[in-house]
Amino acid sequence: MAAFALVLAIVKRSDDVKGFVVLPKRWIVERFFAHLMRTRRLVRDVERRTASAEAMIYWSMILLMTRRLARPHSGPA
């Protein structure tokens, strides 16, 4: 059995605030789910085995990282 050093922080909205307020760190999770949903097979829950669903998540993240690595670098030379 593997143990992971993982910390989960749940960010809740304040009850006394009205209107739109940016919640910290929530955009990171939303961006991750958006990247997963760009691969059409992960949009619907059709995988029968968790191993195949996990493989699709790896595949989606590999696509994302290769796009980032192939992007032209615009930093200082």
Protein backbone atom coordinates (compact mmCIF):
# COMPACT_ATOMS: atom_id res chain seq x y z
CA MET A 1 0.00 0.00 0.00
CA ALA A 2 1.41 3.38 -1.00
CA ALA A 3 1.13 6.46 1.19
CA PHE A 4 0.98 9.92 -0.33
CA ALA A 5 1.88 13.20 1.33
CA LEU A 6 -1.27 15.00 0.25
CA VAL A 7 -2.91 18.00 1.87
CA LEU A 8 -6.49 18.84 0.98
CA ALA A 9 -7.73 22.33 1.77
CA ILE A 10 -11.42 23.05 1.19
CA VAL A 11 -12.05 26.70 0.38
CA LYS A 12 -15.56 27.79 1.33
CA ARG A 13 -17.37 30.95 0.41
CA SER A 14 -18.04 33.43 3.18
CA ASP A 15 -21.73 33.80 4.05
CA ASP A 16 -21.58 37.56 4.65
CA VAL A 17 -20.05 38.49 1.25
CA LYS A 18 -22.40 39.52 -1.56
CA GLY A 19 -21.57 39.35 -5.26
CA PHE A 20 -18.51 37.90 -7.00
CA VAL A 21 -15.42 37.15 -4.93
CA VAL A 22 -12.36 35.30 -6.23
CA LEU A 23 -11.70 32.20 -4.15
CA PRO A 24 -8.02 31.33 -3.69
CA LYS A 25 -6.63 28.22 -5.42
CA ARG A 26 -9.99 27.21 -6.88
CA TRP A 27 -8.92 28.14 -10.41
CA ILE A 28 -6.17 25.50 -10.29
CA VAL A 29 -8.71 22.72 -9.82
CA GLU A 30 -11.08 24.20 -12.40
CA ARG A 31 -8.24 24.46 -14.95
CA PHE A 32 -7.27 20.83 -14.32
CA PHE A 33 -10.83 19.63 -14.94
CA ALA A 34 -11.02 21.79 -18.08
CA HIS A 35 -7.89 20.10 -19.46
CA LEU A 36 -9.39 16.68 -18.74
CA MET A 37 -12.68 17.58 -20.44
CA ARG A 38 -10.83 18.67 -23.61
CA THR A 39 -10.19 15.00 -24.31
CA ARG A 40 -13.62 13.88 -25.46
CA ARG A 41 -13.47 10.37 -24.02
CA LEU A 42 -13.28 11.72 -20.47
CA VAL A 43 -16.41 13.86 -20.86
CA ARG A 44 -18.67 10.88 -20.27
CA ASP A 45 -18.22 8.20 -17.66
CA VAL A 46 -18.11 5.20 -20.02
CA GLU A 47 -15.00 3.45 -18.73
CA ARG A 48 -15.76 0.13 -17.07
CA ARG A 49 -12.44 -0.29 -15.33
CA THR A 50 -10.60 2.26 -13.23
CA ALA A 51 -7.34 1.28 -14.93
CA SER A 52 -8.63 2.43 -18.33
CA ALA A 53 -9.98 5.67 -16.86
CA GLU A 54 -6.61 6.28 -15.21
CA ALA A 55 -4.86 5.61 -18.53
CA MET A 56 -7.09 8.21 -20.20
CA ILE A 57 -6.16 10.77 -17.54
CA TYR A 58 -2.46 10.04 -18.11
CA TRP A 59 -3.00 10.37 -21.84
CA SER A 60 -4.73 13.73 -21.39
CA MET A 61 -1.93 15.07 -19.20
CA ILE A 62 0.73 13.81 -21.65
CA LEU A 63 -1.02 15.73 -24.43
CA LEU A 64 -1.07 18.85 -22.27
CA MET A 65 2.62 18.60 -21.34
CA THR A 66 3.77 17.93 -24.90
CA ARG A 67 1.87 21.01 -26.08
CA ARG A 68 3.53 23.07 -23.38
CA LEU A 69 6.98 21.72 -24.22
CA ALA A 70 6.49 22.28 -27.96
CA ARG A 71 5.37 25.89 -27.45
CA PRO A 72 8.02 28.39 -28.55
CA HIS A 73 9.91 29.82 -25.59
CA SER A 74 9.49 33.60 -25.31
CA GLY A 75 11.84 34.19 -22.37
CA PRO A 76 15.22 35.93 -22.34
CA ALA A 77 17.91 34.31 -24.48
